[in-house]
Amino acid sequence: MHTALAHPLTRLKRVVQAMTRLTDQGLEEAALLAEAAPLMRGLVERDDWLPEALAQPHPEFYRQYLLHADPLGRFSIVSFVWGPGQQTPVHDHTVWGIIAMLRGAEFSQAYARTADGALAPSGPEHRLEPGQVEMVSPTLGDVHRVRNAFADKVSISIHMYGGNIGEVRRHVFDAATGQAKPFVSGYSNTMVPNLWGPTA
């Protein structure tokens, strides 16, 4: 049985507090991810906390809303909102990431370099359902394409990254040639939830 929380954002606040304590320990990536993945799984086990303003799709483009950025730049948490049928280009992250599915579903296809320098799908496309998590990083595999599993409804995943992902310089790729183009994603919102006020 789930224990009721005082306010929906309390669920997110507890993850932020736990991650802050973890990053203070200076853990190696594997140990950090082993501790952080259950936190993210717990965050998405109930779909009752994400503010509506941070769950809004765009008719043409997927959206990335900042939920929290660690003041020291060690991690960030975002909501990734997919309109029907939307997908990313092939891209990387350059930092570790944990993707946790909150609403709907998404497909992730990993890519790997071929002998001629192009990028080709590596393994089968993976479907992520609500409550499930997966991880990416330069050591685990960092290049993929992601898409909404549905052509007729919105899907939302919650991502945690090992840096302020909206400021990280990373890459999109031309899969046929493997050519990389740098980009910085930024965020779709200008305001973030107040986790520290009396209601949270």
N, C-alpha and C. Protein backbone atom coordinates (compact mmCIF):
# COMPACT_ATOMS: atom_id res chain seq x y z
N MET A 1 0.84 -1.19 0.00
CA MET A 1 0.00 0.00 0.00
C MET A 1 0.88 1.24 0.00
N HIS A 2 0.52 2.22 -0.83
CA HIS A 2 1.28 3.45 -0.91
C HIS A 2 0.87 4.41 0.20
N THR A 3 1.83 5.06 0.80
CA THR A 3 1.55 6.08 1.81
C THR A 3 1.32 7.40 1.13
N ALA A 4 0.23 8.08 1.47
CA ALA A 4 -0.08 9.36 0.87
C ALA A 4 0.99 10.38 1.25
N LEU A 5 1.36 11.21 0.29
CA LEU A 5 2.33 12.25 0.53
C LEU A 5 1.60 13.56 0.78
N ALA A 6 2.24 14.48 1.49
CA ALA A 6 1.61 15.73 1.88
C ALA A 6 1.24 16.57 0.67
N HIS A 7 2.03 16.53 -0.37
CA HIS A 7 1.83 17.33 -1.57
C HIS A 7 2.43 16.55 -2.73
N PRO A 8 1.82 16.60 -3.94
CA PRO A 8 2.37 15.81 -5.04
C PRO A 8 3.86 16.02 -5.29
N LEU A 9 4.35 17.25 -5.17
CA LEU A 9 5.76 17.51 -5.45
C LEU A 9 6.69 16.96 -4.37
N THR A 10 6.13 16.52 -3.26
CA THR A 10 6.97 15.90 -2.23
C THR A 10 7.70 14.69 -2.78
N ARG A 11 7.07 13.97 -3.69
CA ARG A 11 7.71 12.80 -4.30
C ARG A 11 8.98 13.22 -5.04
N LEU A 12 8.90 14.27 -5.82
CA LEU A 12 10.07 14.77 -6.53
C LEU A 12 11.10 15.35 -5.56
N LYS A 13 10.63 16.07 -4.57
CA LYS A 13 11.54 16.67 -3.58
C LYS A 13 12.37 15.61 -2.89
N ARG A 14 11.78 14.48 -2.54
CA ARG A 14 12.52 13.42 -1.86
C ARG A 14 13.60 12.82 -2.76
N VAL A 15 13.32 12.70 -4.06
CA VAL A 15 14.33 12.20 -4.99
C VAL A 15 15.49 13.20 -5.09
N VAL A 16 15.17 14.48 -5.18
CA VAL A 16 16.21 15.51 -5.23
C VAL A 16 17.08 15.46 -3.98
N GLN A 17 16.48 15.33 -2.82
CA GLN A 17 17.25 15.26 -1.57
C GLN A 17 18.14 14.03 -1.54
N ALA A 18 17.57 12.88 -1.95
CA ALA A 18 18.36 11.65 -1.94
C ALA A 18 19.51 11.72 -2.94
N MET A 19 19.28 12.29 -4.12
CA MET A 19 20.35 12.41 -5.11
C MET A 19 21.43 13.38 -4.65
N THR A 20 21.04 14.43 -3.97
CA THR A 20 22.03 15.37 -3.45
C THR A 20 22.95 14.67 -2.46
N ARG A 21 22.37 13.84 -1.58
CA ARG A 21 23.19 13.08 -0.63
C ARG A 21 24.11 12.11 -1.36
N LEU A 22 23.59 11.45 -2.42
CA LEU A 22 24.41 10.50 -3.17
C LEU A 22 25.57 11.19 -3.88
N THR A 23 25.30 12.30 -4.52
CA THR A 23 26.37 12.98 -5.24
C THR A 23 27.41 13.56 -4.28
N ASP A 24 26.99 13.87 -3.07
CA ASP A 24 27.95 14.33 -2.06
C ASP A 24 28.98 13.25 -1.72
N GLN A 25 28.63 11.98 -1.97
CA GLN A 25 29.53 10.88 -1.62
C GLN A 25 30.64 10.66 -2.64
N GLY A 26 30.52 11.28 -3.82
CA GLY A 26 31.55 11.12 -4.83
C GLY A 26 31.67 9.71 -5.37
N LEU A 27 30.55 9.00 -5.52
CA LEU A 27 30.55 7.61 -5.97
C LEU A 27 31.00 7.50 -7.42
N GLU A 28 31.57 6.36 -7.77
CA GLU A 28 31.83 6.03 -9.16
C GLU A 28 30.50 5.86 -9.88
N GLU A 29 30.53 6.01 -11.22
CA GLU A 29 29.29 6.00 -11.99
C GLU A 29 28.43 4.75 -11.74
N ALA A 30 29.04 3.57 -11.77
CA ALA A 30 28.26 2.34 -11.62
C ALA A 30 27.55 2.29 -10.28
N ALA A 31 28.25 2.69 -9.23
CA ALA A 31 27.64 2.68 -7.89
C ALA A 31 26.55 3.74 -7.78
N LEU A 32 26.80 4.90 -8.38
CA LEU A 32 25.79 5.97 -8.35
C LEU A 32 24.52 5.56 -9.08
N LEU A 33 24.67 4.97 -10.26
CA LEU A 33 23.50 4.54 -11.02
C LEU A 33 22.73 3.44 -10.30
N ALA A 34 23.45 2.55 -9.64
CA ALA A 34 22.79 1.48 -8.89
C ALA A 34 21.90 2.03 -7.78
N GLU A 35 22.31 3.15 -7.19
CA GLU A 35 21.52 3.78 -6.14
C GLU A 35 20.44 4.69 -6.71
N ALA A 36 20.73 5.34 -7.83
CA ALA A 36 19.80 6.32 -8.39
C ALA A 36 18.64 5.68 -9.16
N ALA A 37 18.88 4.53 -9.79
CA ALA A 37 17.82 3.91 -10.59
C ALA A 37 16.58 3.58 -9.76
N PRO A 38 16.71 3.01 -8.55
CA PRO A 38 15.51 2.76 -7.75
C PRO A 38 14.79 4.05 -7.35
N LEU A 39 15.53 5.14 -7.17
CA LEU A 39 14.89 6.42 -6.86
C LEU A 39 13.99 6.86 -8.01
N MET A 40 14.49 6.71 -9.23
CA MET A 40 13.71 7.10 -10.39
C MET A 40 12.53 6.16 -10.61
N ARG A 41 12.74 4.89 -10.32
CA ARG A 41 11.63 3.94 -10.45
C ARG A 41 10.52 4.29 -9.46
N GLY A 42 10.91 4.67 -8.26
CA GLY A 42 9.91 5.09 -7.27
C GLY A 42 9.21 6.37 -7.67
N LEU A 43 9.93 7.27 -8.35
CA LEU A 43 9.33 8.54 -8.76
C LEU A 43 8.20 8.33 -9.74
N VAL A 44 8.32 7.34 -10.63
CA VAL A 44 7.30 7.15 -11.67
C VAL A 44 6.32 6.03 -11.35
N GLU A 45 6.38 5.48 -10.14
CA GLU A 45 5.45 4.39 -9.84
C GLU A 45 4.02 4.89 -9.71
N ARG A 46 3.87 6.20 -9.49
CA ARG A 46 2.53 6.81 -9.49
C ARG A 46 2.57 8.05 -10.37
N ASP A 47 1.52 8.21 -11.17
CA ASP A 47 1.41 9.34 -12.08
C ASP A 47 0.42 10.35 -11.50
N ASP A 48 0.83 10.99 -10.40
CA ASP A 48 -0.08 11.92 -9.72
C ASP A 48 0.62 13.17 -9.22
N TRP A 49 1.82 13.46 -9.72
CA TRP A 49 2.61 14.54 -9.12
C TRP A 49 3.14 15.58 -10.09
N LEU A 50 3.23 15.25 -11.38
CA LEU A 50 3.82 16.18 -12.33
C LEU A 50 2.86 17.33 -12.63
N PRO A 51 3.28 18.58 -12.39
CA PRO A 51 2.40 19.72 -12.68
C PRO A 51 1.99 19.75 -14.15
N GLU A 52 0.73 20.10 -14.41
CA GLU A 52 0.22 20.11 -15.77
C GLU A 52 1.03 21.03 -16.68
N ALA A 53 1.52 22.15 -16.13
CA ALA A 53 2.29 23.10 -16.94
C ALA A 53 3.56 22.48 -17.48
N LEU A 54 4.05 21.42 -16.83
CA LEU A 54 5.29 20.76 -17.23
C LEU A 54 5.02 19.42 -17.90
N ALA A 55 3.78 19.26 -18.38
CA ALA A 55 3.37 18.04 -19.08
C ALA A 55 2.70 18.36 -20.40
N GLN A 56 2.90 19.57 -20.90
CA GLN A 56 2.20 20.02 -22.11
C GLN A 56 3.00 19.72 -23.37
N PRO A 57 2.39 19.06 -24.35
CA PRO A 57 3.09 18.78 -25.60
C PRO A 57 3.07 19.99 -26.53
N HIS A 58 3.91 19.95 -27.53
CA HIS A 58 3.90 20.91 -28.63
C HIS A 58 3.38 20.16 -29.86
N PRO A 59 2.62 20.80 -30.73
CA PRO A 59 2.07 20.07 -31.88
C PRO A 59 3.13 19.55 -32.85
N GLU A 60 4.33 20.14 -32.85
CA GLU A 60 5.35 19.72 -33.82
C GLU A 60 6.58 19.10 -33.18
N PHE A 61 6.96 19.55 -31.98
CA PHE A 61 8.24 19.16 -31.40
C PHE A 61 8.07 18.58 -30.00
N TYR A 62 8.91 17.57 -29.65
CA TYR A 62 8.94 17.11 -28.27
C TYR A 62 9.46 18.23 -27.38
N ARG A 63 9.10 18.18 -26.11
CA ARG A 63 9.50 19.23 -25.18
C ARG A 63 10.28 18.66 -24.01
N GLN A 64 11.22 19.44 -23.51
CA GLN A 64 12.04 19.06 -22.35
C GLN A 64 11.90 20.16 -21.30
N TYR A 65 11.22 19.83 -20.20
CA TYR A 65 10.97 20.80 -19.13
C TYR A 65 11.89 20.52 -17.95
N LEU A 66 12.57 21.54 -17.46
CA LEU A 66 13.42 21.38 -16.29
C LEU A 66 12.57 21.29 -15.03
N LEU A 67 12.80 20.23 -14.25
CA LEU A 67 12.14 20.07 -12.96
C LEU A 67 13.05 20.45 -11.80
N HIS A 68 14.35 20.16 -11.95
CA HIS A 68 15.32 20.55 -10.92
C HIS A 68 16.72 20.49 -11.51
N ALA A 69 17.55 21.46 -11.18
CA ALA A 69 18.97 21.45 -11.52
C ALA A 69 19.78 21.62 -10.25
N ASP A 70 20.66 20.68 -9.99
CA ASP A 70 21.55 20.79 -8.83
C ASP A 70 22.37 22.06 -8.95
N PRO A 71 22.48 22.85 -7.87
CA PRO A 71 23.21 24.12 -7.95
C PRO A 71 24.67 23.97 -8.37
N LEU A 72 25.25 22.79 -8.12
CA LEU A 72 26.64 22.56 -8.49
C LEU A 72 26.77 21.86 -9.84
N GLY A 73 25.65 21.68 -10.54
CA GLY A 73 25.69 21.10 -11.87
C GLY A 73 25.94 19.61 -11.92
N ARG A 74 25.72 18.91 -10.80
CA ARG A 74 26.04 17.48 -10.75
C ARG A 74 24.93 16.61 -11.31
N PHE A 75 23.70 17.07 -11.31
CA PHE A 75 22.59 16.31 -11.88
C PHE A 75 21.44 17.26 -12.17
N SER A 76 20.55 16.79 -13.02
CA SER A 76 19.32 17.52 -13.31
C SER A 76 18.21 16.51 -13.56
N ILE A 77 16.97 16.97 -13.39
CA ILE A 77 15.79 16.13 -13.62
C ILE A 77 14.86 16.91 -14.54
N VAL A 78 14.38 16.23 -15.60
CA VAL A 78 13.51 16.89 -16.57
C VAL A 78 12.32 15.99 -16.88
N SER A 79 11.24 16.62 -17.34
CA SER A 79 10.13 15.86 -17.93
C SER A 79 10.26 15.97 -19.44
N PHE A 80 10.17 14.85 -20.11
CA PHE A 80 10.30 14.78 -21.56
C PHE A 80 8.92 14.45 -22.10
N VAL A 81 8.31 15.39 -22.82
CA VAL A 81 6.91 15.27 -23.24
C VAL A 81 6.84 15.06 -24.75
N TRP A 82 6.26 13.93 -25.12
CA TRP A 82 6.12 13.55 -26.52
C TRP A 82 4.70 13.82 -27.00
N GLY A 83 4.56 14.60 -28.06
CA GLY A 83 3.29 14.63 -28.76
C GLY A 83 3.12 13.36 -29.56
N PRO A 84 1.92 13.09 -30.05
CA PRO A 84 1.69 11.88 -30.85
C PRO A 84 2.67 11.77 -32.02
N GLY A 85 3.31 10.61 -32.14
CA GLY A 85 4.17 10.32 -33.27
C GLY A 85 5.51 11.03 -33.29
N GLN A 86 5.86 11.78 -32.27
CA GLN A 86 7.11 12.54 -32.29
C GLN A 86 8.31 11.66 -31.96
N GLN A 87 9.49 12.05 -32.47
CA GLN A 87 10.71 11.31 -32.20
C GLN A 87 11.91 12.24 -32.22
N THR A 88 13.00 11.76 -31.61
CA THR A 88 14.26 12.51 -31.63
C THR A 88 15.06 12.15 -32.88
N PRO A 89 16.05 12.94 -33.22
CA PRO A 89 17.08 12.44 -34.13
C PRO A 89 17.99 11.47 -33.38
N VAL A 90 18.89 10.83 -34.08
CA VAL A 90 19.93 10.04 -33.42
C VAL A 90 20.82 11.03 -32.67
N HIS A 91 21.06 10.76 -31.38
CA HIS A 91 21.77 11.73 -30.56
C HIS A 91 22.52 11.04 -29.43
N ASP A 92 23.41 11.80 -28.78
CA ASP A 92 24.08 11.31 -27.58
C ASP A 92 23.79 12.24 -26.42
N HIS A 93 24.41 11.97 -25.26
CA HIS A 93 24.18 12.75 -24.05
C HIS A 93 25.49 13.26 -23.44
N THR A 94 26.54 12.50 -23.59
CA THR A 94 27.90 12.76 -23.07
C THR A 94 28.00 12.66 -21.55
N VAL A 95 26.89 12.46 -20.86
CA VAL A 95 26.85 12.23 -19.42
C VAL A 95 25.93 11.05 -19.16
N TRP A 96 25.97 10.50 -17.95
CA TRP A 96 25.05 9.40 -17.64
C TRP A 96 23.61 9.92 -17.59
N GLY A 97 22.68 9.02 -17.85
CA GLY A 97 21.27 9.37 -17.78
C GLY A 97 20.43 8.18 -17.35
N ILE A 98 19.33 8.47 -16.66
CA ILE A 98 18.35 7.45 -16.28
C ILE A 98 17.00 7.92 -16.80
N ILE A 99 16.38 7.09 -17.63
CA ILE A 99 15.08 7.42 -18.22
C ILE A 99 14.03 6.58 -17.52
N ALA A 100 13.01 7.23 -16.98
CA ALA A 100 11.95 6.54 -16.25
C ALA A 100 10.61 6.90 -16.88
N MET A 101 9.84 5.90 -17.24
CA MET A 101 8.58 6.14 -17.97
C MET A 101 7.45 6.44 -17.01
N LEU A 102 6.80 7.57 -17.23
CA LEU A 102 5.69 7.99 -16.36
C LEU A 102 4.34 7.73 -16.98
N ARG A 103 4.18 8.05 -18.26
CA ARG A 103 2.85 8.03 -18.90
C ARG A 103 3.00 7.63 -20.35
N GLY A 104 2.14 6.76 -20.83
CA GLY A 104 2.26 6.30 -22.21
C GLY A 104 3.38 5.29 -22.35
N ALA A 105 4.14 5.39 -23.42
CA ALA A 105 5.28 4.49 -23.66
C ALA A 105 6.16 5.10 -24.73
N GLU A 106 7.43 4.65 -24.76
CA GLU A 106 8.34 5.12 -25.80
C GLU A 106 9.22 3.98 -26.26
N PHE A 107 9.73 4.11 -27.48
CA PHE A 107 10.69 3.17 -28.03
C PHE A 107 12.06 3.82 -28.10
N SER A 108 13.09 3.06 -27.73
CA SER A 108 14.46 3.52 -27.82
C SER A 108 15.25 2.55 -28.69
N GLN A 109 15.94 3.10 -29.68
CA GLN A 109 16.79 2.29 -30.55
C GLN A 109 18.24 2.73 -30.39
N ALA A 110 19.08 1.83 -29.88
CA ALA A 110 20.51 2.11 -29.74
C ALA A 110 21.19 2.05 -31.10
N TYR A 111 22.27 2.84 -31.24
CA TYR A 111 23.07 2.86 -32.47
C TYR A 111 24.54 2.63 -32.12
N ALA A 112 25.25 2.04 -33.06
CA ALA A 112 26.69 1.80 -32.90
C ALA A 112 27.40 2.08 -34.21
N ARG A 113 28.68 2.40 -34.13
CA ARG A 113 29.48 2.68 -35.32
C ARG A 113 29.70 1.40 -36.14
N THR A 114 29.65 1.55 -37.45
CA THR A 114 30.00 0.46 -38.36
C THR A 114 31.44 0.66 -38.82
N ALA A 115 31.94 -0.31 -39.58
CA ALA A 115 33.33 -0.26 -40.02
C ALA A 115 33.62 0.97 -40.89
N ASP A 116 32.62 1.45 -41.63
CA ASP A 116 32.83 2.61 -42.51
C ASP A 116 32.53 3.93 -41.82
N GLY A 117 32.27 3.90 -40.49
CA GLY A 117 32.06 5.14 -39.75
C GLY A 117 30.62 5.60 -39.65
N ALA A 118 29.71 4.90 -40.33
CA ALA A 118 28.29 5.23 -40.23
C ALA A 118 27.74 4.73 -38.89
N LEU A 119 26.49 5.02 -38.64
CA LEU A 119 25.81 4.52 -37.45
C LEU A 119 24.68 3.60 -37.88
N ALA A 120 24.59 2.44 -37.22
CA ALA A 120 23.56 1.46 -37.55
C ALA A 120 22.86 1.02 -36.27
N PRO A 121 21.58 0.64 -36.37
CA PRO A 121 20.88 0.14 -35.18
C PRO A 121 21.65 -1.01 -34.54
N SER A 122 21.73 -0.98 -33.22
CA SER A 122 22.43 -2.01 -32.46
C SER A 122 21.42 -2.73 -31.58
N GLY A 123 21.06 -3.94 -31.96
CA GLY A 123 20.07 -4.69 -31.20
C GLY A 123 18.66 -4.23 -31.54
N PRO A 124 17.67 -4.86 -30.93
CA PRO A 124 16.28 -4.51 -31.23
C PRO A 124 15.86 -3.21 -30.55
N GLU A 125 14.84 -2.60 -31.11
CA GLU A 125 14.24 -1.43 -30.48
C GLU A 125 13.61 -1.86 -29.15
N HIS A 126 13.80 -1.03 -28.13
CA HIS A 126 13.35 -1.37 -26.78
C HIS A 126 12.17 -0.50 -26.39
N ARG A 127 11.09 -1.11 -25.91
CA ARG A 127 9.89 -0.38 -25.49
C ARG A 127 9.92 -0.18 -23.98
N LEU A 128 9.74 1.06 -23.55
CA LEU A 128 9.73 1.41 -22.13
C LEU A 128 8.30 1.71 -21.72
N GLU A 129 7.82 0.99 -20.71
CA GLU A 129 6.45 1.12 -20.22
C GLU A 129 6.45 1.88 -18.88
N PRO A 130 5.29 2.41 -18.46
CA PRO A 130 5.23 3.14 -17.19
C PRO A 130 5.79 2.33 -16.03
N GLY A 131 6.64 2.99 -15.22
CA GLY A 131 7.27 2.35 -14.08
C GLY A 131 8.62 1.74 -14.38
N GLN A 132 8.97 1.62 -15.67
CA GLN A 132 10.26 1.03 -16.04
C GLN A 132 11.32 2.11 -16.22
N VAL A 133 12.59 1.71 -16.06
CA VAL A 133 13.70 2.63 -16.25
C VAL A 133 14.76 1.98 -17.14
N GLU A 134 15.53 2.82 -17.82
CA GLU A 134 16.73 2.36 -18.52
C GLU A 134 17.80 3.42 -18.38
N MET A 135 19.05 3.03 -18.66
CA MET A 135 20.17 3.92 -18.42
C MET A 135 21.02 4.07 -19.67
N VAL A 136 21.62 5.25 -19.79
CA VAL A 136 22.57 5.53 -20.86
C VAL A 136 23.79 6.20 -20.25
N SER A 137 24.91 6.09 -20.92
CA SER A 137 26.12 6.84 -20.54
C SER A 137 27.18 6.51 -21.58
N PRO A 138 28.23 7.31 -21.64
CA PRO A 138 29.32 6.97 -22.57
C PRO A 138 29.94 5.60 -22.31
N THR A 139 29.83 5.09 -21.08
CA THR A 139 30.39 3.77 -20.79
C THR A 139 29.40 2.64 -21.05
N LEU A 140 28.10 2.93 -20.95
CA LEU A 140 27.07 1.89 -21.13
C LEU A 140 26.56 1.82 -22.57
N GLY A 141 26.69 2.91 -23.29
CA GLY A 141 26.07 3.07 -24.60
C GLY A 141 25.29 4.38 -24.57
N ASP A 142 25.64 5.30 -25.47
CA ASP A 142 25.16 6.67 -25.30
C ASP A 142 24.47 7.24 -26.53
N VAL A 143 24.39 6.48 -27.62
CA VAL A 143 23.81 7.00 -28.85
C VAL A 143 22.52 6.24 -29.14
N HIS A 144 21.42 6.98 -29.28
CA HIS A 144 20.15 6.33 -29.58
C HIS A 144 19.18 7.30 -30.24
N ARG A 145 18.09 6.73 -30.73
CA ARG A 145 16.95 7.49 -31.23
C ARG A 145 15.74 7.05 -30.41
N VAL A 146 14.91 7.99 -29.99
CA VAL A 146 13.76 7.69 -29.14
C VAL A 146 12.50 8.24 -29.80
N ARG A 147 11.39 7.51 -29.65
CA ARG A 147 10.14 7.97 -30.23
C ARG A 147 8.96 7.60 -29.34
N ASN A 148 7.92 8.39 -29.46
CA ASN A 148 6.66 8.07 -28.79
C ASN A 148 6.12 6.77 -29.37
N ALA A 149 5.70 5.87 -28.51
CA ALA A 149 5.15 4.60 -28.99
C ALA A 149 3.76 4.75 -29.58
N PHE A 150 3.16 5.92 -29.40
CA PHE A 150 1.78 6.11 -29.83
C PHE A 150 1.66 7.22 -30.87
N ALA A 151 0.81 6.98 -31.84
CA ALA A 151 0.53 7.98 -32.87
C ALA A 151 -0.67 8.83 -32.53
N ASP A 152 -1.33 8.54 -31.40
CA ASP A 152 -2.59 9.23 -31.11
C ASP A 152 -2.68 9.77 -29.69
N LYS A 153 -1.58 9.71 -28.92
CA LYS A 153 -1.65 10.26 -27.58
C LYS A 153 -0.27 10.66 -27.08
N VAL A 154 -0.27 11.46 -26.02
CA VAL A 154 0.97 11.98 -25.43
C VAL A 154 1.62 10.91 -24.55
N SER A 155 2.94 10.88 -24.56
CA SER A 155 3.72 10.06 -23.63
C SER A 155 4.69 10.98 -22.89
N ILE A 156 5.01 10.61 -21.64
CA ILE A 156 5.90 11.43 -20.82
C ILE A 156 6.88 10.52 -20.08
N SER A 157 8.16 10.84 -20.20
CA SER A 157 9.18 10.17 -19.40
C SER A 157 9.91 11.20 -18.57
N ILE A 158 10.43 10.75 -17.43
CA ILE A 158 11.18 11.61 -16.52
C ILE A 158 12.64 11.18 -16.59
N HIS A 159 13.53 12.14 -16.88
CA HIS A 159 14.94 11.84 -17.07
C HIS A 159 15.78 12.50 -15.98
N MET A 160 16.77 11.78 -15.52
CA MET A 160 17.80 12.36 -14.65
C MET A 160 19.13 12.22 -15.37
N TYR A 161 19.93 13.28 -15.35
CA TYR A 161 21.21 13.28 -16.04
C TYR A 161 22.33 13.70 -15.10
N GLY A 162 23.53 13.27 -15.43
CA GLY A 162 24.71 13.61 -14.64
C GLY A 162 25.31 14.94 -15.01
N GLY A 163 24.49 15.96 -15.03
CA GLY A 163 24.88 17.32 -15.36
C GLY A 163 23.62 18.12 -15.61
N ASN A 164 23.77 19.42 -15.83
CA ASN A 164 22.62 20.25 -16.21
C ASN A 164 22.41 20.05 -17.71
N ILE A 165 21.54 19.10 -18.07
CA ILE A 165 21.47 18.62 -19.45
C ILE A 165 21.10 19.73 -20.44
N GLY A 166 20.38 20.74 -20.00
CA GLY A 166 20.03 21.83 -20.89
C GLY A 166 21.21 22.69 -21.29
N GLU A 167 22.33 22.55 -20.56
CA GLU A 167 23.55 23.32 -20.84
C GLU A 167 24.67 22.46 -21.43
N VAL A 168 24.46 21.15 -21.48
CA VAL A 168 25.52 20.23 -21.93
C VAL A 168 25.66 20.29 -23.45
N ARG A 169 26.87 20.44 -23.92
CA ARG A 169 27.14 20.41 -25.35
C ARG A 169 27.24 18.95 -25.79
N ARG A 170 26.30 18.52 -26.63
CA ARG A 170 26.29 17.14 -27.09
C ARG A 170 26.05 17.11 -28.59
N HIS A 171 25.53 16.00 -29.14
CA HIS A 171 25.55 15.84 -30.59
C HIS A 171 24.29 15.17 -31.12
N VAL A 172 23.89 15.58 -32.31
CA VAL A 172 22.97 14.80 -33.14
C VAL A 172 23.80 14.25 -34.30
N PHE A 173 23.32 13.13 -34.87
CA PHE A 173 24.11 12.43 -35.87
C PHE A 173 23.31 12.18 -37.14
N ASP A 174 23.99 12.24 -38.25
CA ASP A 174 23.47 11.72 -39.51
C ASP A 174 23.83 10.23 -39.50
N ALA A 175 22.81 9.38 -39.37
CA ALA A 175 23.09 7.95 -39.21
C ALA A 175 23.80 7.38 -40.43
N ALA A 176 23.49 7.88 -41.62
CA ALA A 176 24.08 7.31 -42.84
C ALA A 176 25.57 7.57 -42.93
N THR A 177 26.02 8.73 -42.46
CA THR A 177 27.44 9.08 -42.56
C THR A 177 28.16 9.02 -41.22
N GLY A 178 27.39 9.06 -40.11
CA GLY A 178 27.99 9.12 -38.79
C GLY A 178 28.45 10.50 -38.39
N GLN A 179 28.22 11.49 -39.27
CA GLN A 179 28.68 12.85 -39.00
C GLN A 179 27.93 13.43 -37.81
N ALA A 180 28.67 14.07 -36.89
CA ALA A 180 28.10 14.64 -35.68
C ALA A 180 27.91 16.15 -35.84
N LYS A 181 26.82 16.66 -35.30
CA LYS A 181 26.57 18.10 -35.28
C LYS A 181 26.33 18.50 -33.83
N PRO A 182 27.14 19.40 -33.26
CA PRO A 182 26.96 19.80 -31.86
C PRO A 182 25.63 20.52 -31.65
N PHE A 183 25.05 20.32 -30.46
CA PHE A 183 23.87 21.09 -30.08
C PHE A 183 23.79 21.19 -28.56
N VAL A 184 23.07 22.18 -28.10
CA VAL A 184 22.74 22.36 -26.68
C VAL A 184 21.23 22.48 -26.62
N SER A 185 20.59 21.61 -25.85
CA SER A 185 19.13 21.49 -25.94
C SER A 185 18.37 22.63 -25.30
N GLY A 186 18.90 23.21 -24.21
CA GLY A 186 18.11 24.18 -23.47
C GLY A 186 16.87 23.52 -22.88
N TYR A 187 15.90 24.35 -22.46
CA TYR A 187 14.67 23.84 -21.86
C TYR A 187 13.47 24.54 -22.46
N SER A 188 12.33 23.89 -22.36
CA SER A 188 11.09 24.45 -22.89
C SER A 188 10.41 25.41 -21.92
N ASN A 189 10.82 25.39 -20.66
CA ASN A 189 10.19 26.25 -19.65
C ASN A 189 11.16 27.29 -19.14
N THR A 190 10.61 28.38 -18.62
CA THR A 190 11.43 29.42 -17.99
C THR A 190 11.27 29.41 -16.48
N MET A 191 10.24 28.74 -15.96
CA MET A 191 10.02 28.61 -14.52
C MET A 191 10.09 27.14 -14.14
N VAL A 192 10.60 26.86 -12.94
CA VAL A 192 10.67 25.48 -12.45
C VAL A 192 9.83 25.35 -11.18
N PRO A 193 9.42 24.13 -10.83
CA PRO A 193 8.59 23.95 -9.64
C PRO A 193 9.33 24.39 -8.38
N ASN A 194 8.61 24.97 -7.45
CA ASN A 194 9.19 25.34 -6.15
C ASN A 194 9.08 24.14 -5.22
N LEU A 195 10.20 23.45 -5.04
CA LEU A 195 10.20 22.27 -4.17
C LEU A 195 10.38 22.63 -2.71
N TRP A 196 10.72 23.86 -2.42
CA TRP A 196 11.16 24.22 -1.08
C TRP A 196 10.17 25.11 -0.35
N GLY A 197 9.04 25.43 -0.97
CA GLY A 197 8.03 26.24 -0.31
C GLY A 197 7.20 25.43 0.67
N PRO A 198 6.28 26.05 1.39
CA PRO A 198 5.50 25.37 2.43
C PRO A 198 4.55 24.30 1.89
N THR A 199 4.22 24.34 0.58
CA THR A 199 3.28 23.36 0.03
C THR A 199 3.96 22.11 -0.46
N ALA A 200 5.28 22.11 -0.54
CA ALA A 200 5.98 20.94 -1.07
C ALA A 200 6.65 20.13 0.00
